[in-house]
Amino acid sequence: MIKKAIMLASVMVLSFGIAFATTNPETTKADTEAYAIITGSVVDAETGDAVTNATITLTGTELSTTTDEYGTFTFEEVETGSITLTVEADGYQTAEQSVDVTEAGANVEIEVTPEM
């Protein structure tokens, strides 16, 4: 009789733990968020040349990266949805570009205008 009661109590505790884990809002939210990769390049609007060492920031976050010697950049694990990229580079005006990021990711070319 005592063994049956202990087994029943164990099953109930295990069932409660499983039910709690599957209905926990934090667990459910993390499982439903989609992430993607943004790749792109920054080019001079007048010449089409690659702009190196430009800083690209996901507006409203602290996430940023810098273009390489080919003017290209990559952001990994970006939440899907509409975002804005802000580009700053020496000798150029600050530029912003909106991007729709899907689960397939996004590829963007951003033109920056030389400062006068």
Protein backbone atom coordinates (compact mmCIF):
# COMPACT_ATOMS: atom_id res chain seq x y z
CA MET A 1 0.00 0.00 0.00
CA ILE A 2 2.82 2.45 0.89
CA LYS A 3 4.68 1.59 -2.34
CA LYS A 4 1.52 2.34 -4.36
CA ALA A 5 1.12 5.70 -2.62
CA ILE A 6 4.77 6.62 -3.24
CA MET A 7 4.52 5.62 -6.91
CA LEU A 8 1.29 7.60 -7.32
CA ALA A 9 2.86 10.65 -5.66
CA SER A 10 5.93 10.35 -7.93
CA VAL A 11 3.76 10.16 -11.05
CA MET A 12 1.76 13.20 -9.92
CA VAL A 13 4.92 15.25 -9.25
CA LEU A 14 6.40 14.24 -12.62
CA SER A 15 3.13 15.09 -14.41
CA PHE A 16 2.98 18.48 -12.71
CA GLY A 17 6.60 19.20 -13.75
CA ILE A 18 5.87 18.31 -17.37
CA ALA A 19 2.68 20.40 -17.41
CA PHE A 20 4.50 23.37 -15.87
CA ALA A 21 7.40 23.14 -18.33
CA THR A 22 5.11 23.05 -21.36
CA THR A 23 2.94 25.95 -20.22
CA ASN A 24 5.66 28.21 -18.85
CA PRO A 25 5.36 31.51 -20.86
CA GLU A 26 9.13 32.00 -21.01
CA THR A 27 9.68 28.54 -22.48
CA THR A 28 6.88 28.97 -25.01
CA LYS A 29 8.12 32.43 -26.08
CA ALA A 30 11.68 31.24 -26.67
CA ASP A 31 10.46 28.29 -28.72
CA THR A 32 8.38 30.49 -31.04
CA GLU A 33 10.92 33.25 -31.75
CA ALA A 34 12.48 33.01 -35.20
CA TYR A 35 16.00 34.15 -35.98
CA ALA A 36 17.72 34.87 -39.28
CA ILE A 37 20.92 36.21 -40.81
CA ILE A 38 21.29 39.64 -42.41
CA THR A 39 24.06 40.04 -44.96
CA GLY A 40 24.82 43.13 -46.96
CA SER A 41 27.20 45.67 -48.32
CA VAL A 42 27.78 49.40 -48.01
CA VAL A 43 28.68 51.30 -51.17
CA ASP A 44 29.44 54.91 -52.15
CA ALA A 45 26.27 56.34 -53.73
CA GLU A 46 28.26 58.27 -56.34
CA THR A 47 30.92 55.78 -57.39
CA GLY A 48 29.51 52.40 -56.35
CA ASP A 49 32.80 51.62 -54.59
CA ALA A 50 32.80 49.52 -51.43
CA VAL A 51 32.94 51.49 -48.18
CA THR A 52 35.25 49.84 -45.67
CA ASN A 53 35.15 50.25 -41.89
CA ALA A 54 31.57 51.53 -41.92
CA THR A 55 29.66 50.81 -38.71
CA ILE A 56 26.21 49.27 -39.13
CA THR A 57 23.88 49.25 -36.12
CA LEU A 58 20.52 47.56 -35.65
CA THR A 59 18.60 50.69 -34.63
CA GLY A 60 17.17 50.49 -31.13
CA THR A 61 19.71 47.86 -30.02
CA GLU A 62 23.35 47.75 -29.06
CA LEU A 63 24.12 45.28 -31.87
CA SER A 64 26.58 46.59 -34.42
CA THR A 65 29.21 45.36 -36.84
CA THR A 66 31.78 46.83 -39.22
CA THR A 67 32.21 46.35 -42.95
CA ASP A 68 35.26 44.44 -44.14
CA GLU A 69 37.69 45.33 -46.94
CA TYR A 70 34.97 44.50 -49.50
CA GLY A 71 32.33 46.66 -47.81
CA THR A 72 30.35 43.61 -46.67
CA PHE A 73 28.85 42.81 -43.27
CA THR A 74 26.85 40.09 -41.50
CA PHE A 75 24.51 39.96 -38.51
CA GLU A 76 23.66 36.51 -37.16
CA GLU A 77 20.66 35.49 -35.03
CA VAL A 78 18.57 38.57 -35.74
CA GLU A 79 14.88 38.38 -34.84
CA THR A 80 12.59 38.28 -37.85
CA GLY A 81 10.43 41.29 -38.65
CA SER A 82 10.93 44.86 -39.79
CA ILE A 83 14.16 46.49 -38.61
CA THR A 84 16.15 49.61 -39.40
CA LEU A 85 19.89 49.63 -40.06
CA THR A 86 21.91 52.77 -39.34
CA VAL A 87 25.22 53.22 -41.19
CA GLU A 88 27.99 55.58 -40.13
CA ALA A 89 31.28 55.96 -42.02
CA ASP A 90 34.03 58.55 -42.02
CA GLY A 91 33.53 61.02 -44.85
CA TYR A 92 29.87 60.02 -45.42
CA GLN A 93 26.47 61.16 -44.23
CA THR A 94 24.71 58.84 -41.79
CA ALA A 95 22.25 56.59 -43.64
CA GLU A 96 19.28 54.54 -42.47
CA GLN A 97 17.54 51.72 -44.30
CA SER A 98 14.53 49.63 -43.31
CA VAL A 99 14.72 45.90 -43.93
CA ASP A 100 12.11 43.15 -43.67
CA VAL A 101 13.84 40.10 -42.21
CA THR A 102 12.19 36.76 -42.90
CA GLU A 103 13.22 33.31 -41.67
CA ALA A 104 15.18 33.03 -44.93
CA GLY A 105 17.17 36.10 -43.85
CA ALA A 106 17.80 39.32 -45.71
CA ASN A 107 20.44 40.69 -48.06
CA VAL A 108 20.74 44.45 -48.40
CA GLU A 109 22.89 46.99 -50.22
CA ILE A 110 23.10 50.35 -48.51
CA GLU A 111 24.27 53.44 -50.39
CA VAL A 112 25.95 56.21 -48.42
CA THR A 113 26.39 59.75 -49.70
CA PRO A 114 29.76 61.52 -49.34
CA GLU A 115 29.75 64.56 -47.03
CA MET A 116 30.00 67.93 -48.73
